[in-house]
Protein backbone atom coordinates (compact mmCIF):
# COMPACT_ATOMS: atom_id res chain seq x y z
CA MET A 1 -31.60 18.18 -34.69
CA VAL A 2 -34.72 17.12 -33.62
CA LYS A 3 -34.52 13.83 -31.54
CA LEU A 4 -36.95 11.27 -32.00
CA SER A 5 -38.74 8.56 -29.96
CA LEU A 6 -38.14 4.66 -30.54
CA CYS A 7 -41.86 5.11 -31.63
CA GLU A 8 -41.67 8.35 -34.45
CA VAL A 9 -37.90 6.46 -35.99
CA MET A 10 -40.77 3.22 -36.21
CA VAL A 11 -42.82 6.01 -38.33
CA ALA A 12 -39.91 7.47 -40.04
CA LEU A 13 -38.78 4.22 -41.27
CA LYS A 14 -41.37 3.22 -42.60
CA GLU A 15 -42.64 6.56 -44.23
CA GLU A 16 -38.34 6.60 -46.01
CA PHE A 17 -38.97 2.58 -46.78
CA SER A 18 -42.46 3.04 -48.55
CA THR A 19 -40.70 4.01 -51.75
CA GLU A 20 -38.17 2.32 -53.87
CA LYS A 21 -35.90 5.59 -53.39
CA TRP A 22 -35.16 5.09 -49.84
CA SER A 23 -31.71 6.02 -49.52
CA ARG A 24 -28.88 4.46 -47.17
CA GLN A 25 -28.18 8.86 -45.64
CA SER A 26 -31.69 8.72 -45.16
CA VAL A 27 -31.94 6.09 -43.40
CA LYS A 28 -28.56 6.98 -41.12
CA LYS A 29 -30.09 10.24 -40.77
CA ILE A 30 -33.10 8.98 -38.99
CA LEU A 31 -31.44 6.75 -36.45
CA GLU A 32 -28.83 9.36 -36.11
CA SER A 33 -31.96 11.68 -34.52
CA TYR A 34 -33.36 8.60 -32.49
CA ASP A 35 -33.14 9.77 -28.46
CA GLU A 36 -31.40 7.06 -26.51
CA THR A 37 -31.37 8.85 -23.26
CA CYS A 38 -35.37 8.48 -23.37
CA GLY A 39 -35.00 5.05 -22.62
CA ASP A 40 -37.72 3.66 -24.52
CA TRP A 41 -35.77 0.83 -25.38
CA LYS A 42 -34.96 -0.80 -22.53
CA LYS A 43 -38.48 -2.38 -22.21
CA PHE A 44 -36.97 -4.92 -25.07
CA CYS A 45 -33.94 -5.54 -23.55
CA LYS A 46 -32.62 -8.78 -22.32
CA PHE A 47 -29.94 -9.95 -21.12
CA ASP A 48 -27.86 -13.69 -20.90
CA ASP A 49 -24.68 -14.61 -19.04
CA HIS A 50 -23.86 -17.16 -22.37
CA CYS A 51 -25.03 -15.44 -25.48
CA TYR A 52 -26.34 -12.14 -26.84
CA TYR A 53 -30.13 -11.21 -27.01
CA ARG A 54 -31.90 -10.10 -30.55
CA VAL A 55 -35.39 -9.21 -30.77
CA VAL A 56 -37.07 -8.20 -33.91
CA ILE A 57 -39.09 -4.86 -33.16
CA ASP A 58 -40.23 -3.62 -35.89
CA GLN A 59 -40.84 -5.47 -39.77
CA GLY A 60 -41.37 -2.52 -41.71
CA ASN A 61 -43.12 -2.99 -44.66
CA ASP A 62 -41.41 -6.55 -45.40
CA ARG A 63 -38.41 -4.58 -45.98
CA TYR A 64 -36.21 -4.48 -43.29
CA ASN A 65 -35.97 -5.44 -39.91
CA LEU A 66 -35.26 -2.76 -36.96
CA VAL A 67 -33.96 -5.32 -34.18
CA VAL A 68 -32.86 -4.98 -30.56
CA LEU A 69 -29.05 -6.38 -29.94
CA CYS A 70 -28.28 -6.74 -26.21
CA TRP A 71 -24.72 -8.42 -24.84
CA ASN A 72 -23.22 -7.86 -21.89
CA VAL A 73 -19.63 -6.91 -21.33
CA GLY A 74 -17.34 -8.92 -23.26
CA GLN A 75 -19.71 -10.82 -25.33
CA GLY A 76 -20.16 -11.22 -29.29
CA THR A 77 -21.55 -12.06 -32.05
CA PRO A 78 -20.20 -14.89 -34.26
CA VAL A 79 -18.51 -13.43 -37.98
CA HIS A 80 -21.56 -13.67 -40.47
CA ASP A 81 -22.73 -11.93 -43.43
CA HIS A 82 -25.87 -10.39 -44.29
CA LEU A 83 -25.32 -10.92 -48.15
CA LEU A 84 -26.48 -8.53 -50.16
CA LEU A 85 -28.33 -6.48 -47.27
CA SER A 86 -27.53 -2.76 -46.18
CA VAL A 87 -27.03 -2.76 -42.26
CA SER A 88 -26.94 0.45 -40.10
CA LEU A 89 -26.29 0.34 -36.56
CA LYS A 90 -27.23 2.64 -33.27
CA CYS A 91 -25.99 1.91 -29.79
CA ALA A 92 -27.98 2.95 -27.48
CA ARG A 93 -25.89 2.23 -24.28
CA GLY A 94 -22.07 1.53 -23.80
CA ARG A 95 -20.28 1.42 -27.31
CA TYR A 96 -19.31 -1.75 -30.11
CA VAL A 97 -17.03 -3.15 -32.50
CA LYS A 98 -17.59 -3.91 -35.79
CA LEU A 99 -15.24 -5.67 -37.71
CA GLY A 100 -15.23 -6.49 -41.03
CA LEU A 101 -13.87 -8.61 -43.39
CA THR A 102 -12.17 -8.91 -46.80
CA SER A 103 -11.51 -11.53 -49.04
CA PRO A 104 -7.88 -12.35 -49.56
CA GLU A 105 -5.79 -11.08 -52.64
CA GLY A 106 -7.30 -12.26 -55.81
CA GLU A 107 -10.18 -14.58 -54.03
CA ARG A 108 -13.38 -12.88 -55.83
CA GLU A 109 -15.79 -12.65 -53.43
CA SER A 110 -19.67 -14.20 -54.50
């Protein structure tokens, strides 16, 4: 698999989202080919002792946001919903745990 820099990832995402026929699988492949070991993401990182840090680095085609999120050890993000949006993640350093929510039986999500 060819490894991409952050700049190359942004170009590939813009190309993928330039059509109505973009696919989640293609986006996943682009993110998986990102070479986080080159460290080009580090210039966007800031850490805060009280809460996580979030910076949008690309608002590609107004169809997606490429975001860098930084958490210190033990920090988290409050439970939230992205409504009908699709979310893909790539961890550059460390690890994360993503918890999903389910509706109680008998209730419908709206």
